[in-house]
Amino acid sequence: MKKYLSILAAAATLLCGTSCSDFLDKEPDFLTPANYYQTPAQIQSALNGVYNRLIDPNGRMYSKALFSYFAISDEAFYKNISINNLRVMQFDAGNLDIGRFWEVLYEGISRANFMIAYVDESALDTADKQAMLGEAYFLRGYYYFLLTSYFGEVPLKLTPTESPDEKPLPKSPLADVYAQILADMTKAEGMVLDIDQLPSNERVSVTAVQAVLARVCLKMAGEPLNDTSRYADALAYADKVIKSGKHSLNPDYSQIFINHSRDINDPKECIWEVGMYGNKIGAEDLAGSVGVENGILCRDINIGYSGGAMQVTKRLYDAFEEGDLRRDWNIAPYCYNTDANTGVTSRSYFTATQIYNRNPGKWRREYETGEKAQSYNSTNFPIIRYSDVLLMKAEASNAVNNGPDADAYDAINRVRRRAWGLDPEAASPQCDLAGLGGKEEFLEAIRQERFRELCFEGQRKLDLIRWGIYVSTMNDYGREAAADGGSFAYAGNSGKNTTARNVVFPIPNTELAVNKLMTQNPGW
């Protein structure tokens, strides 16, 4: 994180320390949870520990997995991987990455539980101190949201683990977990600060809470809960963000991601993002791989190394309409080749038929400044952007009103106008949607717009799941890629291998081994 949240090592759980001088002659000084969470510095340190589980040094969170190999959909495939890999849906409950993902999420919850249980509320005598506790509530809810999104029903633990002898918990009904997510996040909404009172959008603000609540409510309205009453809540939360006046679309779509690469904070468009710091050159270990794992093939570290592991699908390429400037930004029209004789690296542009050869181009390492490392950087990752809020408003409004009204059209058209390089606030016959057939046709327009706007941001898979069409979409994609992929026919293996069990991950074997009350998810 860009020094806004300087991670202090001992902040997470039970802390203790000893005097360095006369070590053998003195009793050690212990800080227990009951007397640790007292001062603003201690509370901030503890909160930093809750936040830093959003970044896993081994890449299982927003540093890599949640926008890449945990987010397998019809957007992209992995070069030269065709069998026996999570990236083509061939794995089991012993998968190390999934096991570690589960552990990191519960580490975040545990850290939040300690903070919530032990912060002395009498010490919360300023809005900033109250906000820090509110952020802990929100983050606990958010970690549970990720758990339910990827694993379904999970144990719901709301108290600190004080002893290794505590009894394990069984899975809680999904409705109960979501009720707690809503309780935590709505409590946080009344405690956290406005975005303009914070040093950056790496900390959770009021509008960040509201935007994520809109996302949570849309998920609850869809599969597997199908609580359609939540569409109204999603609309209300999206409207809160829009009417706050705190956020707006960056007029230049590509600039959003250039700013990330240049470590420029943009809280107008990017409501909440995960802050990475450093590139693992030196002592800091908070770097990510945004633009590396999902970047443009380039072997020159001075430009910005990427092995080009992820390549795009023709299905995504073909989803863009004529005039949509996002296509050639999101899907790079070139890669970098280094001449073996001269050592000079230059761009090599693809032909019109070389679609499957292309890489995601959203985050381009050529824009990074300072010393570059091969596999890591400080590029932030956006968890939720303003354009997402506009599209959620359009989707929720369409559901609530049984078809699109003027506000729904306005929300989606603002996103589309920006995509054409036009003023988002000015109506344009060039790209505006109007007069679609009704609720289902408008929903399909929303699905396609989210596909184009939010590709490679980890939302496509989760969208398809809540719409109840993940398996069918992946199977269709698998057949398409096998038919038109040529030498890249294996690109469709992830789609061909997708079955109903892939809607959630398996409960890790490591958890099953220690918790005899745990049951495995269906199909695993």
Protein backbone atom coordinates (compact mmCIF):
# COMPACT_ATOMS: atom_id res chain seq x y z
CA MET A 1 0.00 0.00 0.00
CA LYS A 2 1.35 3.40 -0.96
CA LYS A 3 2.45 4.20 2.59
CA TYR A 4 -1.13 5.27 3.45
CA LEU A 5 -1.44 2.00 5.33
CA SER A 6 2.05 1.12 6.51
CA ILE A 7 1.73 -2.49 7.55
CA LEU A 8 3.07 -3.07 11.03
CA ALA A 9 4.00 -6.67 11.60
CA ALA A 10 2.50 -7.38 14.98
CA ALA A 11 -0.90 -5.85 14.40
CA ALA A 12 -2.86 -8.90 13.49
CA THR A 13 -3.54 -11.00 16.55
CA LEU A 14 -2.09 -11.59 19.99
CA LEU A 15 0.97 -9.42 20.45
CA CYS A 16 3.88 -9.75 22.83
CA GLY A 17 7.29 -8.15 23.15
CA THR A 18 10.37 -8.22 25.34
CA SER A 19 12.99 -5.75 26.46
CA CYS A 20 16.25 -6.01 24.53
CA SER A 21 18.56 -4.91 27.33
CA ASP A 22 19.39 -7.20 30.25
CA PHE A 23 17.19 -9.82 28.61
CA LEU A 24 17.99 -12.58 31.10
CA ASP A 25 17.48 -10.36 34.14
CA LYS A 26 14.03 -9.00 33.38
CA GLU A 27 10.55 -10.39 33.09
CA PRO A 28 9.17 -10.04 29.54
CA ASP A 29 6.53 -7.37 28.93
CA PHE A 30 3.40 -8.89 27.40
CA LEU A 31 0.71 -7.10 25.42
CA THR A 32 -2.48 -9.14 25.47
CA PRO A 33 -5.53 -8.38 23.32
CA ALA A 34 -7.33 -6.99 26.38
CA ASN A 35 -4.79 -4.21 26.81
CA TYR A 36 -3.45 -3.79 23.28
CA TYR A 37 -6.27 -2.13 21.33
CA GLN A 38 -6.25 1.13 23.30
CA THR A 39 -4.34 3.93 21.58
CA PRO A 40 -4.93 5.34 18.09
CA ALA A 41 -1.56 3.93 16.96
CA GLN A 42 -2.44 0.47 18.24
CA ILE A 43 -5.88 0.56 16.62
CA GLN A 44 -4.40 1.74 13.33
CA SER A 45 -1.77 -0.98 13.51
CA ALA A 46 -4.44 -3.61 14.11
CA LEU A 47 -6.54 -2.29 11.23
CA ASN A 48 -3.54 -2.45 8.92
CA GLY A 49 -3.28 -6.13 9.75
CA VAL A 50 -6.92 -6.65 8.73
CA TYR A 51 -6.40 -4.82 5.44
CA ASN A 52 -3.22 -6.61 4.47
CA ARG A 53 -4.99 -9.95 4.02
CA LEU A 54 -6.33 -8.43 0.80
CA ILE A 55 -2.75 -8.95 -0.43
CA ASP A 56 -1.32 -12.45 -0.12
CA PRO A 57 2.45 -12.46 -0.78
CA ASN A 58 2.02 -15.76 -2.61
CA GLY A 59 -0.60 -14.38 -4.96
CA ARG A 60 -3.83 -15.96 -3.74
CA MET A 61 -5.73 -12.69 -3.22
CA TYR A 62 -5.86 -9.42 -5.14
CA SER A 63 -2.16 -9.53 -5.84
CA LYS A 64 -2.92 -12.14 -8.52
CA ALA A 65 -5.43 -14.98 -8.18
CA LEU A 66 -8.69 -13.03 -7.87
CA PHE A 67 -8.21 -11.45 -11.28
CA SER A 68 -6.59 -14.46 -12.94
CA TYR A 69 -6.66 -18.16 -12.17
CA PHE A 70 -9.52 -17.96 -9.61
CA ALA A 71 -11.56 -15.93 -12.11
CA ILE A 72 -11.62 -18.37 -15.03
CA SER A 73 -14.39 -17.42 -17.45
CA ASP A 74 -14.91 -16.85 -21.16
CA GLU A 75 -12.64 -13.77 -21.13
CA ALA A 76 -9.25 -15.45 -21.30
CA PHE A 77 -7.28 -18.68 -21.19
CA TYR A 78 -3.78 -19.69 -20.15
CA LYS A 79 -1.16 -20.21 -22.84
CA ASN A 80 0.12 -23.78 -23.18
CA ILE A 81 -2.00 -25.15 -20.32
CA SER A 82 -4.42 -27.79 -21.55
CA ILE A 83 -4.76 -30.47 -18.83
CA ASN A 84 -4.40 -31.17 -15.11
CA ASN A 85 -4.55 -27.62 -13.84
CA LEU A 86 -6.95 -25.33 -11.97
CA ARG A 87 -6.75 -23.04 -15.01
CA VAL A 88 -8.58 -25.63 -17.12
CA MET A 89 -10.92 -26.75 -14.32
CA GLN A 90 -9.01 -29.95 -13.57
CA PHE A 91 -8.20 -29.95 -9.85
CA ASP A 92 -9.45 -31.33 -6.55
CA ALA A 93 -9.88 -30.41 -2.89
CA GLY A 94 -6.16 -30.85 -2.30
CA ASN A 95 -5.27 -27.87 -4.48
CA LEU A 96 -2.70 -25.77 -2.59
CA ASP A 97 -3.88 -22.41 -3.95
CA ILE A 98 -7.48 -22.99 -2.92
CA GLY A 99 -6.42 -24.20 0.51
CA ARG A 100 -4.30 -21.12 1.07
CA PHE A 101 -7.09 -18.86 -0.23
CA TRP A 102 -9.43 -20.27 2.44
CA GLU A 103 -6.79 -19.72 5.12
CA VAL A 104 -6.07 -16.12 4.11
CA LEU A 105 -9.77 -15.20 4.19
CA TYR A 106 -10.20 -16.64 7.67
CA GLU A 107 -7.00 -14.90 8.78
CA GLY A 108 -8.62 -11.62 7.76
CA ILE A 109 -11.79 -12.53 9.66
CA SER A 110 -9.79 -13.54 12.73
CA ARG A 111 -7.92 -10.24 12.74
CA ALA A 112 -11.18 -8.30 12.41
CA ASN A 113 -12.75 -10.37 15.21
CA PHE A 114 -9.92 -9.49 17.59
CA MET A 115 -10.23 -5.82 16.77
CA ILE A 116 -14.02 -5.76 17.10
CA ALA A 117 -13.90 -7.66 20.40
CA TYR A 118 -11.10 -5.75 22.07
CA VAL A 119 -11.12 -2.15 20.87
CA ASP A 120 -12.10 -0.05 23.85
CA GLU A 121 -15.05 1.91 22.51
CA SER A 122 -14.52 4.55 25.19
CA ALA A 123 -11.28 5.37 23.39
CA LEU A 124 -13.17 6.06 20.14
CA ASP A 125 -13.57 9.75 20.91
CA THR A 126 -13.00 11.02 17.38
CA ALA A 127 -14.62 10.27 14.03
CA ASP A 128 -11.33 8.90 12.70
CA LYS A 129 -11.02 6.38 15.53
CA GLN A 130 -14.66 5.33 15.09
CA ALA A 131 -14.02 4.95 11.38
CA MET A 132 -11.21 2.49 11.99
CA LEU A 133 -13.53 0.18 13.93
CA GLY A 134 -16.15 0.62 11.20
CA GLU A 135 -13.59 -0.47 8.62
CA ALA A 136 -12.93 -3.61 10.65
CA TYR A 137 -16.65 -4.44 10.61
CA PHE A 138 -16.79 -3.85 6.87
CA LEU A 139 -13.72 -5.94 6.14
CA ARG A 140 -15.04 -8.84 8.18
CA GLY A 141 -18.20 -8.71 6.11
CA TYR A 142 -16.20 -8.45 2.92
CA TYR A 143 -14.04 -11.48 3.72
CA TYR A 144 -17.21 -13.46 4.36
CA PHE A 145 -18.61 -12.20 1.07
CA LEU A 146 -15.57 -13.57 -0.74
CA LEU A 147 -15.87 -16.86 1.14
CA THR A 148 -19.52 -17.34 0.21
CA SER A 149 -18.87 -16.23 -3.37
CA TYR A 150 -16.21 -18.87 -3.87
CA PHE A 151 -17.10 -21.64 -1.40
CA GLY A 152 -20.84 -21.32 -0.72
CA GLU A 153 -21.83 -22.20 2.85
CA VAL A 154 -18.99 -21.70 5.35
CA PRO A 155 -18.57 -21.62 9.14
CA LEU A 156 -19.61 -18.28 10.61
CA LYS A 157 -17.22 -17.29 13.38
CA LEU A 158 -17.69 -13.87 14.99
CA THR A 159 -15.48 -14.11 18.06
CA PRO A 160 -11.69 -14.27 18.46
CA THR A 161 -10.05 -17.67 18.68
CA GLU A 162 -8.60 -17.53 22.20
CA SER A 163 -7.47 -21.14 22.49
CA PRO A 164 -6.43 -23.96 20.16
CA ASP A 165 -8.84 -26.15 22.12
CA GLU A 166 -11.92 -24.32 20.85
CA LYS A 167 -14.40 -26.58 19.12
CA PRO A 168 -14.70 -26.22 15.33
CA LEU A 169 -17.88 -24.94 13.75
CA PRO A 170 -20.05 -26.51 11.05
CA LYS A 171 -21.19 -24.66 7.97
CA SER A 172 -23.81 -21.99 8.54
CA PRO A 173 -26.80 -21.64 6.20
CA LEU A 174 -25.99 -19.25 3.38
CA ALA A 175 -28.83 -16.92 4.35
CA ASP A 176 -27.34 -16.58 7.85
CA VAL A 177 -23.91 -15.71 6.49
CA TYR A 178 -25.38 -13.07 4.20
CA ALA A 179 -27.43 -11.64 7.04
CA GLN A 180 -24.19 -11.15 8.96
CA ILE A 181 -22.48 -9.62 5.93
CA LEU A 182 -25.29 -7.08 5.67
CA ALA A 183 -25.21 -6.42 9.42
CA ASP A 184 -21.46 -5.76 9.41
CA MET A 185 -21.52 -3.58 6.33
CA THR A 186 -24.56 -1.51 7.31
CA LYS A 187 -22.97 -0.89 10.73
CA ALA A 188 -19.82 0.22 8.97
CA GLU A 189 -21.77 2.59 6.72
CA GLY A 190 -22.56 4.78 9.73
CA MET A 191 -19.00 4.75 11.07
CA VAL A 192 -16.50 5.13 8.24
CA LEU A 193 -15.39 8.43 6.72
CA ASP A 194 -16.27 10.08 3.43
CA ILE A 195 -13.79 9.53 0.62
CA ASP A 196 -12.65 13.17 0.72
CA GLN A 197 -11.69 12.78 4.40
CA LEU A 198 -9.31 9.90 3.66
CA PRO A 199 -5.74 9.99 2.32
CA SER A 200 -6.67 7.61 -0.50
CA ASN A 201 -9.24 5.14 -1.79
CA GLU A 202 -7.17 2.30 -0.31
CA ARG A 203 -9.16 2.82 2.88
CA VAL A 204 -12.88 2.07 2.93
CA SER A 205 -15.14 5.11 2.68
CA VAL A 206 -18.91 5.59 3.04
CA THR A 207 -19.44 5.30 -0.71
CA ALA A 208 -17.16 2.25 -0.89
CA VAL A 209 -19.38 0.53 1.68
CA GLN A 210 -22.49 1.51 -0.25
CA ALA A 211 -21.07 0.39 -3.59
CA VAL A 212 -20.09 -3.01 -2.19
CA LEU A 213 -23.50 -3.32 -0.50
CA ALA A 214 -25.08 -2.84 -3.94
CA ARG A 215 -22.89 -5.70 -5.20
CA VAL A 216 -23.79 -7.90 -2.22
CA CYS A 217 -27.51 -7.26 -2.72
CA LEU A 218 -27.31 -8.08 -6.43
CA LYS A 219 -25.62 -11.34 -5.50
CA MET A 220 -28.38 -12.11 -2.99
CA ALA A 221 -31.00 -11.37 -5.64
CA GLY A 222 -29.39 -13.94 -7.93
CA GLU A 223 -28.12 -17.49 -7.58
CA PRO A 224 -28.19 -19.31 -5.26
CA LEU A 225 -30.39 -17.36 -2.81
CA ASN A 226 -32.70 -15.82 -5.44
CA ASP A 227 -34.00 -13.25 -2.97
CA THR A 228 -35.38 -10.90 -5.61
CA SER A 229 -36.45 -8.38 -2.97
CA ARG A 230 -32.77 -7.44 -2.79
CA TYR A 231 -32.88 -5.76 -6.20
CA ALA A 232 -34.58 -2.79 -4.52
CA ASP A 233 -31.80 -2.64 -1.93
CA ALA A 234 -29.14 -2.82 -4.64
CA LEU A 235 -30.81 0.07 -6.44
CA ALA A 236 -31.00 2.13 -3.24
CA TYR A 237 -27.30 1.63 -2.45
CA ALA A 238 -26.21 2.38 -6.01
CA ASP A 239 -28.29 5.57 -5.90
CA LYS A 240 -26.61 6.60 -2.66
CA VAL A 241 -23.23 6.43 -4.35
CA ILE A 242 -24.41 8.29 -7.45
CA LYS A 243 -26.25 11.00 -5.53
CA SER A 244 -23.34 11.57 -3.14
CA GLY A 245 -21.55 13.54 -5.84
CA LYS A 246 -18.25 12.08 -4.64
CA HIS A 247 -17.57 10.06 -7.79
CA SER A 248 -17.62 10.40 -11.56
CA LEU A 249 -16.35 8.65 -14.67
CA ASN A 250 -12.82 9.41 -15.73
CA PRO A 251 -13.42 10.85 -19.22
CA ASP A 252 -10.58 8.71 -20.62
CA TYR A 253 -11.10 4.97 -20.04
CA SER A 254 -7.46 4.03 -20.60
CA GLN A 255 -6.27 6.67 -18.14
CA ILE A 256 -7.84 4.76 -15.25
CA PHE A 257 -5.37 1.94 -15.70
CA ILE A 258 -2.42 4.14 -16.68
CA ASN A 259 -2.94 5.91 -13.36
CA HIS A 260 -2.74 2.57 -11.55
CA SER A 261 0.54 1.76 -13.26
CA ARG A 262 1.93 5.18 -12.39
CA ASP A 263 0.81 4.96 -8.74
CA ILE A 264 -1.59 7.87 -9.26
CA ASN A 265 -4.65 7.76 -7.03
CA ASP A 266 -8.03 8.40 -8.73
CA PRO A 267 -10.80 8.22 -6.11
CA LYS A 268 -13.40 9.71 -8.46
CA GLU A 269 -13.53 6.65 -10.73
CA CYS A 270 -11.98 4.03 -8.45
CA ILE A 271 -14.14 3.94 -5.34
CA TRP A 272 -12.08 1.32 -3.50
CA GLU A 273 -8.88 -0.37 -4.55
CA VAL A 274 -6.26 -2.63 -3.03
CA GLY A 275 -3.02 -0.76 -2.48
CA MET A 276 0.14 -2.59 -3.45
CA TYR A 277 3.56 -1.35 -2.39
CA GLY A 278 7.04 -2.01 -3.72
CA ASN A 279 8.18 -4.73 -6.09
CA LYS A 280 9.87 -7.16 -3.66
CA ILE A 281 13.22 -5.48 -4.28
CA GLY A 282 14.18 -4.81 -0.67
CA ALA A 283 12.33 -5.56 2.55
CA GLU A 284 8.75 -4.74 1.54
CA ASP A 285 6.52 -7.68 0.66
CA LEU A 286 3.26 -5.99 -0.36
CA ALA A 287 3.73 -6.10 -4.11
CA GLY A 288 1.31 -7.52 -6.66
CA SER A 289 1.38 -8.84 -10.20
CA VAL A 290 -1.16 -6.57 -11.88
CA GLY A 291 0.00 -6.24 -15.48
CA VAL A 292 2.42 -9.14 -15.07
CA GLU A 293 0.12 -12.15 -14.72
CA ASN A 294 -2.42 -10.45 -16.97
CA GLY A 295 -0.05 -8.38 -19.07
CA ILE A 296 1.36 -7.92 -22.56
CA LEU A 297 4.06 -10.37 -23.61
CA CYS A 298 7.42 -8.65 -23.16
CA ARG A 299 10.82 -10.09 -22.23
CA ASP A 300 12.47 -6.70 -21.68
CA ILE A 301 12.45 -5.79 -18.01
CA ASN A 302 13.15 -2.14 -18.82
CA ILE A 303 9.83 -1.88 -20.64
CA GLY A 304 8.07 -4.17 -18.19
CA TYR A 305 8.37 -7.94 -18.16
CA SER A 306 5.39 -10.21 -18.67
CA GLY A 307 5.38 -13.80 -19.85
CA GLY A 308 2.00 -13.15 -21.43
CA ALA A 309 0.49 -16.09 -19.54
CA MET A 310 -3.10 -14.97 -20.09
CA GLN A 311 -4.43 -14.70 -23.64
CA VAL A 312 -7.83 -13.43 -24.68
CA THR A 313 -10.76 -15.22 -26.25
CA LYS A 314 -12.31 -14.44 -29.58
CA ARG A 315 -15.64 -14.32 -27.75
CA LEU A 316 -14.50 -11.26 -25.79
CA TYR A 317 -12.90 -9.63 -28.83
CA ASP A 318 -16.10 -10.04 -30.84
CA ALA A 319 -18.22 -8.61 -28.03
CA PHE A 320 -16.99 -5.08 -28.73
CA GLU A 321 -19.02 -2.96 -31.13
CA GLU A 322 -17.65 -0.80 -33.91
CA GLY A 323 -16.37 2.45 -32.43
CA ASP A 324 -15.86 1.09 -28.92
CA LEU A 325 -12.39 2.29 -27.92
CA ARG A 326 -12.18 -0.16 -25.03
CA ARG A 327 -11.47 -3.11 -27.33
CA ASP A 328 -7.94 -2.15 -28.32
CA TRP A 329 -7.14 -1.05 -24.79
CA ASN A 330 -8.50 -4.06 -22.94
CA ILE A 331 -7.11 -6.40 -25.61
CA ALA A 332 -3.62 -5.35 -26.61
CA PRO A 333 -3.18 -5.21 -30.41
CA TYR A 334 0.56 -5.82 -30.06
CA CYS A 335 3.18 -7.66 -28.03
CA TYR A 336 6.91 -6.96 -27.64
CA ASN A 337 9.63 -8.87 -29.49
CA THR A 338 13.34 -8.61 -28.78
CA ASP A 339 15.71 -8.96 -31.73
CA ALA A 340 18.18 -11.76 -30.98
CA ASN A 341 20.99 -9.98 -32.87
CA THR A 342 20.59 -6.38 -31.76
CA GLY A 343 18.87 -6.86 -28.42
CA VAL A 344 16.40 -4.12 -29.40
CA THR A 345 12.82 -4.63 -28.22
CA SER A 346 9.96 -3.27 -30.31
CA ARG A 347 6.24 -3.66 -30.70
CA SER A 348 4.93 -6.36 -32.99
CA TYR A 349 1.34 -5.81 -34.09
CA PHE A 350 -1.05 -8.70 -34.65
CA THR A 351 -2.89 -9.37 -37.89
CA ALA A 352 -6.68 -9.33 -38.03
CA THR A 353 -6.80 -13.11 -37.74
CA GLN A 354 -4.51 -13.33 -34.72
CA ILE A 355 -7.13 -12.96 -32.01
CA TYR A 356 -6.26 -15.81 -29.64
CA ASN A 357 -2.60 -14.67 -29.71
CA ARG A 358 -3.42 -11.44 -27.90
CA ASN A 359 -2.99 -10.60 -24.22
CA PRO A 360 -5.02 -8.46 -21.84
CA GLY A 361 -3.83 -4.88 -22.18
CA LYS A 362 -5.68 -3.14 -19.38
CA TRP A 363 -2.59 -2.59 -17.21
CA ARG A 364 0.50 -1.92 -19.32
CA ARG A 365 3.84 -2.10 -17.59
CA GLU A 366 5.40 0.32 -20.06
CA TYR A 367 3.69 3.09 -18.05
CA GLU A 368 5.29 2.10 -14.74
CA THR A 369 7.86 4.49 -13.32
CA GLY A 370 10.97 3.81 -11.26
CA GLU A 371 12.96 0.60 -10.97
CA LYS A 372 11.13 -2.40 -12.44
CA ALA A 373 11.24 -5.96 -11.17
CA GLN A 374 10.48 -8.96 -13.33
CA SER A 375 7.42 -10.39 -11.61
CA TYR A 376 6.12 -7.80 -9.13
CA ASN A 377 5.03 -4.17 -9.01
CA SER A 378 3.12 -1.61 -6.97
CA THR A 379 0.17 -1.33 -9.36
CA ASN A 380 -3.08 -1.09 -7.42
CA PHE A 381 -6.09 -3.25 -8.20
CA PRO A 382 -9.62 -1.73 -8.25
CA ILE A 383 -12.17 -3.72 -6.28
CA ILE A 384 -15.03 -1.50 -7.38
CA ARG A 385 -15.25 1.37 -9.86
CA TYR A 386 -17.91 4.01 -10.50
CA SER A 387 -18.81 2.52 -13.88
CA ASP A 388 -19.67 -0.72 -12.06
CA VAL A 389 -22.05 1.23 -9.81
CA LEU A 390 -23.77 2.75 -12.85
CA LEU A 391 -24.20 -0.67 -14.43
CA MET A 392 -25.50 -2.13 -11.15
CA LYS A 393 -28.02 0.70 -10.97
CA ALA A 394 -29.19 -0.05 -14.50
CA GLU A 395 -29.50 -3.78 -13.75
CA ALA A 396 -31.32 -3.30 -10.44
CA SER A 397 -33.65 -0.67 -11.88
CA ASN A 398 -34.53 -2.98 -14.76
CA ALA A 399 -35.44 -5.73 -12.28
CA VAL A 400 -37.40 -3.49 -9.88
CA ASN A 401 -39.41 -1.80 -12.63
CA ASN A 402 -39.88 -4.94 -14.73
CA GLY A 403 -38.06 -3.25 -17.57
CA PRO A 404 -35.75 -0.29 -18.16
CA ASP A 405 -36.84 3.22 -17.28
CA ALA A 406 -35.13 6.48 -18.28
CA ASP A 407 -32.73 6.27 -15.33
CA ALA A 408 -31.64 2.76 -16.30
CA TYR A 409 -30.93 3.86 -19.86
CA ASP A 410 -29.07 6.93 -18.63
CA ALA A 411 -26.83 4.83 -16.36
CA ILE A 412 -25.77 2.34 -19.03
CA ASN A 413 -25.43 5.01 -21.69
CA ARG A 414 -23.06 7.08 -19.59
CA VAL A 415 -20.72 4.09 -19.49
CA ARG A 416 -21.12 3.54 -23.24
CA ARG A 417 -20.47 7.17 -24.17
CA ARG A 418 -17.19 7.14 -22.32
CA ALA A 419 -16.30 3.94 -24.19
CA TRP A 420 -16.74 5.79 -27.50
CA GLY A 421 -14.58 8.68 -26.29
CA LEU A 422 -17.60 10.98 -25.87
CA ASP A 423 -18.86 13.15 -23.02
CA PRO A 424 -20.57 10.72 -20.62
CA GLU A 425 -23.17 13.35 -19.70
CA ALA A 426 -24.25 14.28 -23.24
CA ALA A 427 -26.72 12.13 -25.15
CA SER A 428 -25.32 10.64 -28.33
CA PRO A 429 -27.13 8.75 -31.11
CA GLN A 430 -23.74 7.28 -31.99
CA CYS A 431 -23.78 4.83 -29.09
CA ASP A 432 -26.81 5.35 -26.84
CA LEU A 433 -29.14 2.43 -26.32
CA ALA A 434 -32.87 3.16 -26.58
CA GLY A 435 -36.12 1.34 -27.12
CA LEU A 436 -34.90 -2.17 -26.36
CA GLY A 437 -37.58 -4.86 -26.31
CA GLY A 438 -38.06 -5.07 -22.56
CA LYS A 439 -36.67 -6.50 -19.35
CA GLU A 440 -34.87 -9.53 -20.79
CA GLU A 441 -33.36 -7.68 -23.75
CA PHE A 442 -32.13 -4.91 -21.47
CA LEU A 443 -30.65 -7.47 -19.07
CA GLU A 444 -28.74 -9.01 -21.95
CA ALA A 445 -27.43 -5.55 -22.86
CA ILE A 446 -26.25 -5.14 -19.26
CA ARG A 447 -24.52 -8.51 -19.39
CA GLN A 448 -22.63 -7.56 -22.52
CA GLU A 449 -21.74 -4.11 -21.20
CA ARG A 450 -20.31 -5.57 -18.01
CA PHE A 451 -18.35 -8.07 -20.13
CA ARG A 452 -16.72 -5.25 -22.07
CA GLU A 453 -16.29 -2.68 -19.31
CA LEU A 454 -15.09 -4.89 -16.46
CA CYS A 455 -13.15 -7.62 -18.25
CA PHE A 456 -10.06 -8.85 -16.35
CA GLU A 457 -11.28 -7.22 -13.11
CA GLY A 458 -12.42 -10.52 -11.59
CA GLN A 459 -16.16 -9.91 -11.99
CA ARG A 460 -17.13 -11.92 -15.08
CA LYS A 461 -17.16 -15.33 -13.39
CA LEU A 462 -19.05 -14.00 -10.37
CA ASP A 463 -21.58 -12.25 -12.62
CA LEU A 464 -22.23 -15.40 -14.63
CA ILE A 465 -22.71 -17.40 -11.42
CA ARG A 466 -25.25 -15.00 -9.91
CA TRP A 467 -27.12 -14.89 -13.23
CA GLY A 468 -27.26 -18.69 -13.13
CA ILE A 469 -25.53 -19.11 -16.49
CA TYR A 470 -21.90 -19.85 -15.59
CA VAL A 471 -21.89 -23.52 -16.59
CA SER A 472 -23.86 -23.04 -19.82
CA THR A 473 -21.77 -20.02 -20.83
CA MET A 474 -18.51 -21.85 -20.20
CA ASN A 475 -19.70 -24.92 -22.09
CA ASP A 476 -20.74 -22.76 -25.07
CA TYR A 477 -17.39 -21.00 -24.99
CA GLY A 478 -15.58 -24.34 -24.89
CA ARG A 479 -17.32 -25.51 -28.03
CA GLU A 480 -16.65 -22.20 -29.81
CA ALA A 481 -12.94 -22.19 -29.02
CA ALA A 482 -12.57 -25.82 -30.06
CA ALA A 483 -14.19 -24.99 -33.38
CA ASP A 484 -12.50 -21.70 -34.29
CA GLY A 485 -9.34 -21.63 -32.18
CA GLY A 486 -7.12 -23.46 -34.67
CA SER A 487 -3.83 -24.11 -32.91
CA PHE A 488 -5.43 -22.57 -29.82
CA ALA A 489 -8.32 -25.06 -29.74
CA TYR A 490 -7.16 -26.05 -26.24
CA ALA A 491 -8.24 -22.56 -25.13
CA GLY A 492 -11.72 -23.97 -24.72
CA ASN A 493 -10.69 -26.75 -22.34
CA SER A 494 -11.71 -24.73 -19.30
CA GLY A 495 -15.17 -24.37 -20.81
CA LYS A 496 -15.47 -28.01 -21.81
CA ASN A 497 -14.40 -29.14 -18.33
CA THR A 498 -16.80 -26.88 -16.44
CA THR A 499 -19.64 -28.70 -14.66
CA ALA A 500 -22.16 -27.80 -11.96
CA ARG A 501 -19.62 -28.44 -9.21
CA ASN A 502 -17.46 -25.57 -10.49
CA VAL A 503 -19.97 -22.97 -9.34
CA VAL A 504 -18.08 -23.15 -6.02
CA PHE A 505 -14.63 -24.35 -5.02
CA PRO A 506 -14.23 -27.50 -2.95
CA ILE A 507 -13.79 -27.17 0.79
CA PRO A 508 -10.01 -27.67 1.17
CA ASN A 509 -8.81 -31.05 2.37
CA THR A 510 -6.77 -29.27 5.04
CA GLU A 511 -10.00 -27.92 6.55
CA LEU A 512 -11.79 -31.25 6.32
CA ALA A 513 -8.88 -32.89 8.14
CA VAL A 514 -9.05 -30.61 11.20
CA ASN A 515 -12.80 -29.93 11.31
CA LYS A 516 -14.86 -33.09 11.56
CA LEU A 517 -18.08 -31.05 11.44
CA MET A 518 -17.24 -29.81 7.96
CA THR A 519 -18.90 -31.34 4.90
CA GLN A 520 -17.63 -31.26 1.33
CA ASN A 521 -19.42 -29.26 -1.36
CA PRO A 522 -21.52 -31.25 -3.86
CA GLY A 523 -19.59 -32.90 -6.67
CA TRP A 524 -16.19 -32.66 -4.98
